[in-house]
PDB file of all heavy atoms in Angstrom:
ATOM      1  N   ALA A   1      31.259 -28.178 -89.534  1.00  0.00           N
ATOM      2  CA  ALA A   1      30.369 -28.565 -88.444  1.00  0.00           C
ATOM      3  C   ALA A   1      30.985 -29.698 -87.625  1.00  0.00           C
ATOM      4  O   ALA A   1      30.900 -29.705 -86.384  1.00  0.00           O
ATOM      5  CB  ALA A   1      29.010 -28.987 -89.001  1.00  0.00           C
ATOM      6  N   GLU A   2      31.619 -30.650 -88.316  1.00  0.00           N
ATOM      7  CA  GLU A   2      32.313 -31.727 -87.618  1.00  0.00           C
ATOM      8  C   GLU A   2      33.409 -31.165 -86.712  1.00  0.00           C
ATOM      9  O   GLU A   2      33.565 -31.603 -85.560  1.00  0.00           O
ATOM     10  CB  GLU A   2      32.911 -32.694 -88.635  1.00  0.00           C
ATOM     11  CG  GLU A   2      33.653 -33.864 -88.022  1.00  0.00           C
ATOM     12  CD  GLU A   2      34.352 -34.723 -89.062  1.00  0.00           C
ATOM     13  OE1 GLU A   2      35.069 -34.145 -89.925  1.00  0.00           O
ATOM     14  OE2 GLU A   2      34.197 -35.951 -89.016  1.00  0.00           O
ATOM     15  N   TRP A   3      34.152 -30.192 -87.210  1.00  0.00           N
ATOM     16  CA  TRP A   3      35.225 -29.589 -86.412  1.00  0.00           C
ATOM     17  C   TRP A   3      34.652 -28.912 -85.171  1.00  0.00           C
ATOM     18  O   TRP A   3      35.207 -29.050 -84.071  1.00  0.00           O
ATOM     19  CB  TRP A   3      35.998 -28.582 -87.262  1.00  0.00           C
ATOM     20  CG  TRP A   3      37.262 -28.098 -86.615  1.00  0.00           C
ATOM     21  CD1 TRP A   3      38.524 -28.576 -86.797  1.00  0.00           C
ATOM     22  CD2 TRP A   3      37.373 -27.037 -85.643  1.00  0.00           C
ATOM     23  NE1 TRP A   3      39.418 -27.889 -86.002  1.00  0.00           N
ATOM     24  CE2 TRP A   3      38.739 -26.944 -85.281  1.00  0.00           C
ATOM     25  CE3 TRP A   3      36.472 -26.176 -85.045  1.00  0.00           C
ATOM     26  CZ2 TRP A   3      39.210 -26.006 -84.363  1.00  0.00           C
ATOM     27  CZ3 TRP A   3      36.936 -25.245 -84.106  1.00  0.00           C
ATOM     28  CH2 TRP A   3      38.287 -25.167 -83.779  1.00  0.00           C
ATOM     29  N   LEU A   4      33.554 -28.185 -85.329  1.00  0.00           N
ATOM     30  CA  LEU A   4      32.929 -27.524 -84.179  1.00  0.00           C
ATOM     31  C   LEU A   4      32.577 -28.536 -83.095  1.00  0.00           C
ATOM     32  O   LEU A   4      32.860 -28.333 -81.914  1.00  0.00           O
ATOM     33  CB  LEU A   4      31.667 -26.783 -84.625  1.00  0.00           C
ATOM     34  CG  LEU A   4      31.819 -25.479 -85.402  1.00  0.00           C
ATOM     35  CD1 LEU A   4      30.464 -25.007 -85.886  1.00  0.00           C
ATOM     36  CD2 LEU A   4      32.487 -24.407 -84.546  1.00  0.00           C
ATOM     37  N   LEU A   5      31.946 -29.630 -83.508  1.00  0.00           N
ATOM     38  CA  LEU A   5      31.494 -30.626 -82.540  1.00  0.00           C
ATOM     39  C   LEU A   5      32.658 -31.375 -81.908  1.00  0.00           C
ATOM     40  O   LEU A   5      32.563 -31.828 -80.766  1.00  0.00           O
ATOM     41  CB  LEU A   5      30.545 -31.612 -83.231  1.00  0.00           C
ATOM     42  CG  LEU A   5      29.200 -31.015 -83.670  1.00  0.00           C
ATOM     43  CD1 LEU A   5      28.449 -31.993 -84.560  1.00  0.00           C
ATOM     44  CD2 LEU A   5      28.351 -30.635 -82.463  1.00  0.00           C
ATOM     45  N   THR A   6      33.752 -31.489 -82.654  1.00  0.00           N
ATOM     46  CA  THR A   6      34.912 -32.236 -82.164  1.00  0.00           C
ATOM     47  C   THR A   6      35.800 -31.393 -81.267  1.00  0.00           C
ATOM     48  O   THR A   6      36.403 -31.907 -80.309  1.00  0.00           O
ATOM     49  CB  THR A   6      35.744 -32.767 -83.356  1.00  0.00           C
ATOM     50  OG1 THR A   6      34.907 -33.563 -84.189  1.00  0.00           O
ATOM     51  CG2 THR A   6      36.924 -33.603 -82.886  1.00  0.00           C
ATOM     52  N   ASN A   7      35.872 -30.089 -81.538  1.00  0.00           N
ATOM     53  CA  ASN A   7      36.880 -29.253 -80.887  1.00  0.00           C
ATOM     54  C   ASN A   7      36.328 -28.242 -79.895  1.00  0.00           C
ATOM     55  O   ASN A   7      37.104 -27.558 -79.230  1.00  0.00           O
ATOM     56  CB  ASN A   7      37.697 -28.520 -81.951  1.00  0.00           C
ATOM     57  CG  ASN A   7      38.580 -29.468 -82.748  1.00  0.00           C
ATOM     58  OD1 ASN A   7      39.683 -29.795 -82.344  1.00  0.00           O
ATOM     59  ND2 ASN A   7      38.070 -29.925 -83.887  1.00  0.00           N
ATOM     60  N   ARG A   8      35.015 -28.111 -79.806  1.00  0.00           N
ATOM     61  CA  ARG A   8      34.435 -27.205 -78.827  1.00  0.00           C
ATOM     62  C   ARG A   8      33.540 -27.999 -77.883  1.00  0.00           C
ATOM     63  O   ARG A   8      33.005 -29.048 -78.256  1.00  0.00           O
ATOM     64  CB  ARG A   8      33.647 -26.073 -79.514  1.00  0.00           C
ATOM     65  CG  ARG A   8      34.551 -25.135 -80.293  1.00  0.00           C
ATOM     66  CD  ARG A   8      33.789 -23.988 -80.923  1.00  0.00           C
ATOM     67  NE  ARG A   8      34.683 -23.130 -81.698  1.00  0.00           N
ATOM     68  CZ  ARG A   8      34.277 -22.199 -82.550  1.00  0.00           C
ATOM     69  NH1 ARG A   8      32.979 -21.975 -82.726  1.00  0.00           N
ATOM     70  NH2 ARG A   8      35.156 -21.471 -83.217  1.00  0.00           N
ATOM     71  N   ASP A   9      33.369 -27.485 -76.712  1.00  0.00           N
ATOM     72  CA  ASP A   9      32.572 -28.179 -75.696  1.00  0.00           C
ATOM     73  C   ASP A   9      31.097 -27.904 -75.956  1.00  0.00           C
ATOM     74  O   ASP A   9      30.454 -27.099 -75.274  1.00  0.00           O
ATOM     75  CB  ASP A   9      32.998 -27.700 -74.303  1.00  0.00           C
ATOM     76  CG  ASP A   9      32.321 -28.490 -73.198  1.00  0.00           C
ATOM     77  OD1 ASP A   9      31.840 -29.609 -73.489  1.00  0.00           O
ATOM     78  OD2 ASP A   9      32.261 -27.993 -72.065  1.00  0.00           O
ATOM     79  N   ILE A  10      30.559 -28.601 -76.960  1.00  0.00           N
ATOM     80  CA  ILE A  10      29.186 -28.367 -77.396  1.00  0.00           C
ATOM     81  C   ILE A  10      28.335 -29.570 -76.996  1.00  0.00           C
ATOM     82  O   ILE A  10      28.547 -30.681 -77.504  1.00  0.00           O
ATOM     83  CB  ILE A  10      29.117 -28.156 -78.924  1.00  0.00           C
ATOM     84  CG1 ILE A  10      29.902 -26.897 -79.319  1.00  0.00           C
ATOM     85  CG2 ILE A  10      27.671 -28.057 -79.385  1.00  0.00           C
ATOM     86  CD1 ILE A  10      29.949 -26.648 -80.813  1.00  0.00           C
ATOM     87  N   PRO A  11      27.383 -29.393 -76.100  1.00  0.00           N
ATOM     88  CA  PRO A  11      26.517 -30.519 -75.714  1.00  0.00           C
ATOM     89  C   PRO A  11      25.548 -30.874 -76.836  1.00  0.00           C
ATOM     90  O   PRO A  11      24.887 -30.005 -77.419  1.00  0.00           O
ATOM     91  CB  PRO A  11      25.770 -29.987 -74.489  1.00  0.00           C
ATOM     92  CG  PRO A  11      25.810 -28.497 -74.624  1.00  0.00           C
ATOM     93  CD  PRO A  11      27.075 -28.161 -75.345  1.00  0.00           C
ATOM     94  N   VAL A  12      25.504 -32.151 -77.161  1.00  0.00           N
ATOM     95  CA  VAL A  12      24.603 -32.630 -78.208  1.00  0.00           C
ATOM     96  C   VAL A  12      23.297 -33.051 -77.556  1.00  0.00           C
ATOM     97  O   VAL A  12      23.265 -33.909 -76.666  1.00  0.00           O
ATOM     98  CB  VAL A  12      25.230 -33.808 -78.977  1.00  0.00           C
ATOM     99  CG1 VAL A  12      24.231 -34.381 -79.984  1.00  0.00           C
ATOM    100  CG2 VAL A  12      26.501 -33.357 -79.681  1.00  0.00           C
ATOM    101  N   GLY A  13      22.214 -32.415 -77.990  1.00  0.00           N
ATOM    102  CA  GLY A  13      20.906 -32.709 -77.411  1.00  0.00           C
ATOM    103  C   GLY A  13      19.843 -31.887 -78.107  1.00  0.00           C
ATOM    104  O   GLY A  13      20.104 -31.230 -79.124  1.00  0.00           O
ATOM    105  N   PRO A  14      18.635 -31.870 -77.580  1.00  0.00           N
ATOM    106  CA  PRO A  14      17.527 -31.173 -78.248  1.00  0.00           C
ATOM    107  C   PRO A  14      17.712 -29.661 -78.344  1.00  0.00           C
ATOM    108  O   PRO A  14      17.048 -29.014 -79.168  1.00  0.00           O
ATOM    109  CB  PRO A  14      16.314 -31.522 -77.390  1.00  0.00           C
ATOM    110  CG  PRO A  14      16.867 -31.988 -76.077  1.00  0.00           C
ATOM    111  CD  PRO A  14      18.185 -32.598 -76.384  1.00  0.00           C
ATOM    112  N   ASP A  15      18.588 -29.080 -77.528  1.00  0.00           N
ATOM    113  CA  ASP A  15      18.811 -27.632 -77.588  1.00  0.00           C
ATOM    114  C   ASP A  15      19.835 -27.230 -78.644  1.00  0.00           C
ATOM    115  O   ASP A  15      20.022 -26.035 -78.903  1.00  0.00           O
ATOM    116  CB  ASP A  15      19.299 -27.111 -76.232  1.00  0.00           C
ATOM    117  CG  ASP A  15      18.172 -26.951 -75.236  1.00  0.00           C
ATOM    118  OD1 ASP A  15      16.996 -26.937 -75.667  1.00  0.00           O
ATOM    119  OD2 ASP A  15      18.449 -26.857 -74.032  1.00  0.00           O
ATOM    120  N   LEU A  16      20.498 -28.189 -79.273  1.00  0.00           N
ATOM    121  CA  LEU A  16      21.565 -27.870 -80.221  1.00  0.00           C
ATOM    122  C   LEU A  16      20.997 -27.485 -81.583  1.00  0.00           C
ATOM    123  O   LEU A  16      20.175 -28.208 -82.154  1.00  0.00           O
ATOM    124  CB  LEU A  16      22.512 -29.065 -80.386  1.00  0.00           C
ATOM    125  CG  LEU A  16      23.620 -28.911 -81.433  1.00  0.00           C
ATOM    126  CD1 LEU A  16      24.536 -27.737 -81.116  1.00  0.00           C
ATOM    127  CD2 LEU A  16      24.418 -30.209 -81.558  1.00  0.00           C
ATOM    128  N   ALA A  17      21.446 -26.356 -82.081  1.00  0.00           N
ATOM    129  CA  ALA A  17      21.128 -25.920 -83.443  1.00  0.00           C
ATOM    130  C   ALA A  17      22.432 -25.744 -84.202  1.00  0.00           C
ATOM    131  O   ALA A  17      23.359 -25.092 -83.715  1.00  0.00           O
ATOM    132  CB  ALA A  17      20.353 -24.611 -83.419  1.00  0.00           C
ATOM    133  N   ILE A  18      22.512 -26.336 -85.387  1.00  0.00           N
ATOM    134  CA  ILE A  18      23.650 -26.158 -86.282  1.00  0.00           C
ATOM    135  C   ILE A  18      23.101 -25.641 -87.597  1.00  0.00           C
ATOM    136  O   ILE A  18      22.230 -26.272 -88.207  1.00  0.00           O
ATOM    137  CB  ILE A  18      24.412 -27.482 -86.505  1.00  0.00           C
ATOM    138  CG1 ILE A  18      24.966 -28.017 -85.185  1.00  0.00           C
ATOM    139  CG2 ILE A  18      25.537 -27.296 -87.515  1.00  0.00           C
ATOM    140  CD1 ILE A  18      25.583 -29.395 -85.300  1.00  0.00           C
ATOM    141  N   GLY A  19      23.575 -24.482 -88.017  1.00  0.00           N
ATOM    142  CA  GLY A  19      23.007 -23.912 -89.232  1.00  0.00           C
ATOM    143  C   GLY A  19      23.918 -22.913 -89.901  1.00  0.00           C
ATOM    144  O   GLY A  19      24.934 -22.487 -89.339  1.00  0.00           O
ATOM    145  N   THR A  20      23.530 -22.546 -91.086  1.00  0.00           N
ATOM    146  CA  THR A  20      24.216 -21.497 -91.828  1.00  0.00           C
ATOM    147  C   THR A  20      23.633 -20.147 -91.419  1.00  0.00           C
ATOM    148  O   THR A  20      22.678 -20.070 -90.634  1.00  0.00           O
ATOM    149  CB  THR A  20      24.093 -21.754 -93.334  1.00  0.00           C
ATOM    150  OG1 THR A  20      22.737 -22.115 -93.656  1.00  0.00           O
ATOM    151  CG2 THR A  20      25.008 -22.894 -93.769  1.00  0.00           C
ATOM    152  N   ILE A  21      24.200 -19.072 -91.928  1.00  0.00           N
ATOM    153  CA  ILE A  21      23.842 -17.729 -91.446  1.00  0.00           C
ATOM    154  C   ILE A  21      22.365 -17.416 -91.667  1.00  0.00           C
ATOM    155  O   ILE A  21      21.717 -16.759 -90.840  1.00  0.00           O
ATOM    156  CB  ILE A  21      24.740 -16.663 -92.117  1.00  0.00           C
ATOM    157  CG1 ILE A  21      26.211 -16.846 -91.679  1.00  0.00           C
ATOM    158  CG2 ILE A  21      24.260 -15.264 -91.781  1.00  0.00           C
ATOM    159  CD1 ILE A  21      26.466 -16.667 -90.193  1.00  0.00           C
ATOM    160  N   ASP A  22      21.795 -17.896 -92.763  1.00  0.00           N
ATOM    161  CA  ASP A  22      20.372 -17.635 -93.012  1.00  0.00           C
ATOM    162  C   ASP A  22      19.502 -18.224 -91.900  1.00  0.00           C
ATOM    163  O   ASP A  22      18.555 -17.589 -91.430  1.00  0.00           O
ATOM    164  CB  ASP A  22      19.954 -18.196 -94.378  1.00  0.00           C
ATOM    165  CG  ASP A  22      20.186 -19.701 -94.469  1.00  0.00           C
ATOM    166  OD1 ASP A  22      21.341 -20.122 -94.311  1.00  0.00           O
ATOM    167  OD2 ASP A  22      19.228 -20.446 -94.712  1.00  0.00           O
ATOM    168  N   ALA A  23      19.834 -19.454 -91.479  1.00  0.00           N
ATOM    169  CA  ALA A  23      19.056 -20.098 -90.420  1.00  0.00           C
ATOM    170  C   ALA A  23      19.185 -19.334 -89.101  1.00  0.00           C
ATOM    171  O   ALA A  23      18.214 -19.192 -88.348  1.00  0.00           O
ATOM    172  CB  ALA A  23      19.508 -21.547 -90.249  1.00  0.00           C
ATOM    173  N   TRP A  24      20.384 -18.836 -88.840  1.00  0.00           N
ATOM    174  CA  TRP A  24      20.620 -18.026 -87.641  1.00  0.00           C
ATOM    175  C   TRP A  24      19.779 -16.751 -87.680  1.00  0.00           C
ATOM    176  O   TRP A  24      19.169 -16.355 -86.670  1.00  0.00           O
ATOM    177  CB  TRP A  24      22.109 -17.712 -87.554  1.00  0.00           C
ATOM    178  CG  TRP A  24      22.547 -16.661 -86.586  1.00  0.00           C
ATOM    179  CD1 TRP A  24      23.086 -15.444 -86.901  1.00  0.00           C
ATOM    180  CD2 TRP A  24      22.540 -16.720 -85.143  1.00  0.00           C
ATOM    181  NE1 TRP A  24      23.418 -14.746 -85.761  1.00  0.00           N
ATOM    182  CE2 TRP A  24      23.091 -15.503 -84.662  1.00  0.00           C
ATOM    183  CE3 TRP A  24      22.122 -17.674 -84.230  1.00  0.00           C
ATOM    184  CZ2 TRP A  24      23.228 -15.231 -83.310  1.00  0.00           C
ATOM    185  CZ3 TRP A  24      22.247 -17.398 -82.866  1.00  0.00           C
ATOM    186  CH2 TRP A  24      22.796 -16.190 -82.420  1.00  0.00           C
ATOM    187  N   LEU A  25      19.702 -16.109 -88.835  1.00  0.00           N
ATOM    188  CA  LEU A  25      18.941 -14.865 -88.937  1.00  0.00           C
ATOM    189  C   LEU A  25      17.437 -15.111 -88.843  1.00  0.00           C
ATOM    190  O   LEU A  25      16.726 -14.357 -88.170  1.00  0.00           O
ATOM    191  CB  LEU A  25      19.291 -14.150 -90.250  1.00  0.00           C
ATOM    192  CG  LEU A  25      20.742 -13.687 -90.387  1.00  0.00           C
ATOM    193  CD1 LEU A  25      20.944 -12.929 -91.686  1.00  0.00           C
ATOM    194  CD2 LEU A  25      21.174 -12.843 -89.185  1.00  0.00           C
ATOM    195  N   VAL A  26      16.939 -16.149 -89.493  1.00  0.00           N
ATOM    196  CA  VAL A  26      15.510 -16.464 -89.387  1.00  0.00           C
ATOM    197  C   VAL A  26      15.152 -16.776 -87.941  1.00  0.00           C
ATOM    198  O   VAL A  26      14.115 -16.326 -87.423  1.00  0.00           O
ATOM    199  CB  VAL A  26      15.149 -17.658 -90.305  1.00  0.00           C
ATOM    200  CG1 VAL A  26      13.737 -18.158 -89.999  1.00  0.00           C
ATOM    201  CG2 VAL A  26      15.240 -17.260 -91.764  1.00  0.00           C
ATOM    202  N   TRP A  27      16.002 -17.531 -87.285  1.00  0.00           N
ATOM    203  CA  TRP A  27      15.753 -17.884 -85.881  1.00  0.00           C
ATOM    204  C   TRP A  27      15.659 -16.635 -85.019  1.00  0.00           C
ATOM    205  O   TRP A  27      14.773 -16.514 -84.172  1.00  0.00           O
ATOM    206  CB  TRP A  27      16.878 -18.816 -85.408  1.00  0.00           C
ATOM    207  CG  TRP A  27      16.624 -19.467 -84.090  1.00  0.00           C
ATOM    208  CD1 TRP A  27      15.922 -20.619 -83.866  1.00  0.00           C
ATOM    209  CD2 TRP A  27      17.070 -19.010 -82.815  1.00  0.00           C
ATOM    210  NE1 TRP A  27      15.909 -20.911 -82.521  1.00  0.00           N
ATOM    211  CE2 TRP A  27      16.609 -19.947 -81.850  1.00  0.00           C
ATOM    212  CE3 TRP A  27      17.820 -17.921 -82.383  1.00  0.00           C
ATOM    213  CZ2 TRP A  27      16.869 -19.805 -80.499  1.00  0.00           C
ATOM    214  CZ3 TRP A  27      18.077 -17.777 -81.034  1.00  0.00           C
ATOM    215  CH2 TRP A  27      17.608 -18.708 -80.108  1.00  0.00           C
ATOM    216  N   ASN A  28      16.544 -15.677 -85.247  1.00  0.00           N
ATOM    217  CA  ASN A  28      16.524 -14.439 -84.466  1.00  0.00           C
ATOM    218  C   ASN A  28      15.374 -13.531 -84.864  1.00  0.00           C
ATOM    219  O   ASN A  28      14.733 -12.917 -84.001  1.00  0.00           O
ATOM    220  CB  ASN A  28      17.860 -13.701 -84.620  1.00  0.00           C
ATOM    221  CG  ASN A  28      18.939 -14.265 -83.716  1.00  0.00           C
ATOM    222  OD1 ASN A  28      18.962 -14.011 -82.516  1.00  0.00           O
ATOM    223  ND2 ASN A  28      19.838 -15.063 -84.283  1.00  0.00           N
ATOM    224  N   LEU A  29      15.099 -13.410 -86.142  1.00  0.00           N
ATOM    225  CA  LEU A  29      14.000 -12.551 -86.591  1.00  0.00           C
ATOM    226  C   LEU A  29      12.657 -13.024 -86.047  1.00  0.00           C
ATOM    227  O   LEU A  29      11.772 -12.210 -85.744  1.00  0.00           O
ATOM    228  CB  LEU A  29      13.950 -12.512 -88.126  1.00  0.00           C
ATOM    229  CG  LEU A  29      15.001 -11.646 -88.822  1.00  0.00           C
ATOM    230  CD1 LEU A  29      15.056 -11.974 -90.306  1.00  0.00           C
ATOM    231  CD2 LEU A  29      14.716 -10.159 -88.623  1.00  0.00           C
ATOM    232  N   THR A  30      12.496 -14.334 -85.934  1.00  0.00           N
ATOM    233  CA  THR A  30      11.221 -14.884 -85.469  1.00  0.00           C
ATOM    234  C   THR A  30      11.212 -15.130 -83.962  1.00  0.00           C
ATOM    235  O   THR A  30      10.307 -15.794 -83.448  1.00  0.00           O
ATOM    236  CB  THR A  30      10.899 -16.195 -86.211  1.00  0.00           C
ATOM    237  OG1 THR A  30      11.927 -17.162 -85.930  1.00  0.00           O
ATOM    238  CG2 THR A  30      10.782 -15.971 -87.704  1.00  0.00           C
ATOM    239  N   GLY A  31      12.204 -14.603 -83.260  1.00  0.00           N
ATOM    240  CA  GLY A  31      12.260 -14.770 -81.814  1.00  0.00           C
ATOM    241  C   GLY A  31      12.451 -16.213 -81.383  1.00  0.00           C
ATOM    242  O   GLY A  31      11.968 -16.617 -80.324  1.00  0.00           O
ATOM    243  N   GLY A  32      13.147 -16.989 -82.198  1.00  0.00           N
ATOM    244  CA  GLY A  32      13.398 -18.388 -81.874  1.00  0.00           C
ATOM    245  C   GLY A  32      12.262 -19.321 -82.221  1.00  0.00           C
ATOM    246  O   GLY A  32      12.309 -20.515 -81.911  1.00  0.00           O
ATOM    247  N   GLU A  33      11.234 -18.810 -82.911  1.00  0.00           N
ATOM    248  CA  GLU A  33      10.083 -19.645 -83.262  1.00  0.00           C
ATOM    249  C   GLU A  33      10.349 -20.534 -84.475  1.00  0.00           C
ATOM    250  O   GLU A  33       9.762 -21.615 -84.599  1.00  0.00           O
ATOM    251  CB  GLU A  33       8.856 -18.756 -83.541  1.00  0.00           C
ATOM    252  CG  GLU A  33       8.306 -18.057 -82.324  1.00  0.00           C
ATOM    253  CD  GLU A  33       7.782 -19.044 -81.294  1.00  0.00           C
ATOM    254  OE1 GLU A  33       7.100 -20.006 -81.685  1.00  0.00           O
ATOM    255  OE2 GLU A  33       8.083 -18.854 -80.097  1.00  0.00           O
ATOM    256  N   VAL A  34      11.207 -20.073 -85.392  1.00  0.00           N
ATOM    257  CA  VAL A  34      11.432 -20.804 -86.643  1.00  0.00           C
ATOM    258  C   VAL A  34      12.913 -21.112 -86.795  1.00  0.00           C
ATOM    259  O   VAL A  34      13.755 -20.209 -86.740  1.00  0.00           O
ATOM    260  CB  VAL A  34      10.948 -19.990 -87.866  1.00  0.00           C
ATOM    261  CG1 VAL A  34      11.222 -20.760 -89.158  1.00  0.00           C
ATOM    262  CG2 VAL A  34       9.461 -19.681 -87.738  1.00  0.00           C
ATOM    263  N   PHE A  35      13.211 -22.383 -86.990  1.00  0.00           N
ATOM    264  CA  PHE A  35      14.580 -22.841 -87.260  1.00  0.00           C
ATOM    265  C   PHE A  35      14.531 -23.509 -88.626  1.00  0.00           C
ATOM    266  O   PHE A  35      14.112 -24.655 -88.754  1.00  0.00           O
ATOM    267  CB  PHE A  35      15.038 -23.809 -86.178  1.00  0.00           C
ATOM    268  CG  PHE A  35      16.434 -24.345 -86.377  1.00  0.00           C
ATOM    269  CD1 PHE A  35      17.473 -23.524 -86.797  1.00  0.00           C
ATOM    270  CD2 PHE A  35      16.715 -25.680 -86.131  1.00  0.00           C
ATOM    271  CE1 PHE A  35      18.765 -24.024 -86.971  1.00  0.00           C
ATOM    272  CE2 PHE A  35      17.990 -26.192 -86.284  1.00  0.00           C
ATOM    273  CZ  PHE A  35      19.010 -25.362 -86.713  1.00  0.00           C
ATOM    274  N   ALA A  36      14.908 -22.750 -89.660  1.00  0.00           N
ATOM    275  CA  ALA A  36      14.711 -23.227 -91.029  1.00  0.00           C
ATOM    276  C   ALA A  36      15.753 -22.644 -91.964  1.00  0.00           C
ATOM    277  O   ALA A  36      16.369 -21.600 -91.688  1.00  0.00           O
ATOM    278  CB  ALA A  36      13.307 -22.867 -91.524  1.00  0.00           C
ATOM    279  N   THR A  37      15.933 -23.333 -93.071  1.00  0.00           N
ATOM    280  CA  THR A  37      16.799 -22.885 -94.155  1.00  0.00           C
ATOM    281  C   THR A  37      16.094 -23.182 -95.466  1.00  0.00           C
ATOM    282  O   THR A  37      14.945 -23.642 -95.463  1.00  0.00           O
ATOM    283  CB  THR A  37      18.179 -23.585 -94.076  1.00  0.00           C
ATOM    284  OG1 THR A  37      19.064 -23.011 -95.042  1.00  0.00           O
ATOM    285  CG2 THR A  37      18.060 -25.079 -94.350  1.00  0.00           C
ATOM    286  N   ASP A  38      16.761 -22.910 -96.584  1.00  0.00           N
ATOM    287  CA  ASP A  38      16.182 -23.228 -97.889  1.00  0.00           C
ATOM    288  C   ASP A  38      17.118 -24.183 -98.621  1.00  0.00           C
ATOM    289  O   ASP A  38      18.274 -24.360 -98.227  1.00  0.00           O
ATOM    290  CB  ASP A  38      15.938 -21.950 -98.698  1.00  0.00           C
ATOM    291  CG  ASP A  38      17.133 -21.594 -99.563  1.00  0.00           C
ATOM    292  OD1 ASP A  38      18.218 -21.326 -98.981  1.00  0.00           O
ATOM    293  OD2 ASP A  38      17.017 -21.608-100.803  1.00  0.00           O
ATOM    294  N   PRO A  39      16.677 -24.800 -99.718  1.00  0.00           N
ATOM    295  CA  PRO A  39      17.522 -25.785-100.406  1.00  0.00           C
ATOM    296  C   PRO A  39      18.799 -25.206-101.009  1.00  0.00           C
ATOM    297  O   PRO A  39      19.786 -25.930-101.135  1.00  0.00           O
ATOM    298  CB  PRO A  39      16.598 -26.342-101.499  1.00  0.00           C
ATOM    299  CG  PRO A  39      15.224 -26.140-100.968  1.00  0.00           C
ATOM    300  CD  PRO A  39      15.281 -24.832-100.231  1.00  0.00           C
ATOM    301  N   SER A  40      18.799 -23.926-101.383  1.00  0.00           N
ATOM    302  CA  SER A  40      20.014 -23.362-101.984  1.00  0.00           C
ATOM    303  C   SER A  40      21.139 -23.321-100.958  1.00  0.00           C
ATOM    304  O   SER A  40      22.305 -23.582-101.283  1.00  0.00           O
ATOM    305  CB  SER A  40      19.740 -21.963-102.545  1.00  0.00           C
ATOM    306  OG  SER A  40      19.587 -20.994-101.529  1.00  0.00           O
ATOM    307  N   ASN A  41      20.812 -23.003 -99.703  1.00  0.00           N
ATOM    308  CA  ASN A  41      21.821 -23.015 -98.641  1.00  0.00           C
ATOM    309  C   ASN A  41      22.119 -24.434 -98.165  1.00  0.00           C
ATOM    310  O   ASN A  41      23.274 -24.796 -97.939  1.00  0.00           O
ATOM    311  CB  ASN A  41      21.361 -22.155 -97.468  1.00  0.00           C
ATOM    312  CG  ASN A  41      21.628 -20.677 -97.691  1.00  0.00           C
ATOM    313  OD1 ASN A  41      22.769 -20.251 -97.729  1.00  0.00           O
ATOM    314  ND2 ASN A  41      20.573 -19.902 -97.852  1.00  0.00           N
ATOM    315  N   ALA A  42      21.081 -25.243 -98.020  1.00  0.00           N
ATOM    316  CA  ALA A  42      21.280 -26.626 -97.564  1.00  0.00           C
ATOM    317  C   ALA A  42      22.181 -27.387 -98.527  1.00  0.00           C
ATOM    318  O   ALA A  42      22.996 -28.216 -98.104  1.00  0.00           O
ATOM    319  CB  ALA A  42      19.936 -27.326 -97.416  1.00  0.00           C
TER     320      ALA A  42
END
């Protein structure tokens, strides 16, 4: 995640989401309503 923020032109602000694949899938399945993960992935 540090490398992504350091090496890509990623604006840091309220629109930024950084997550593992589960969080990406939940976000898409819920139409962007839920941005969440579980402790096993965290």
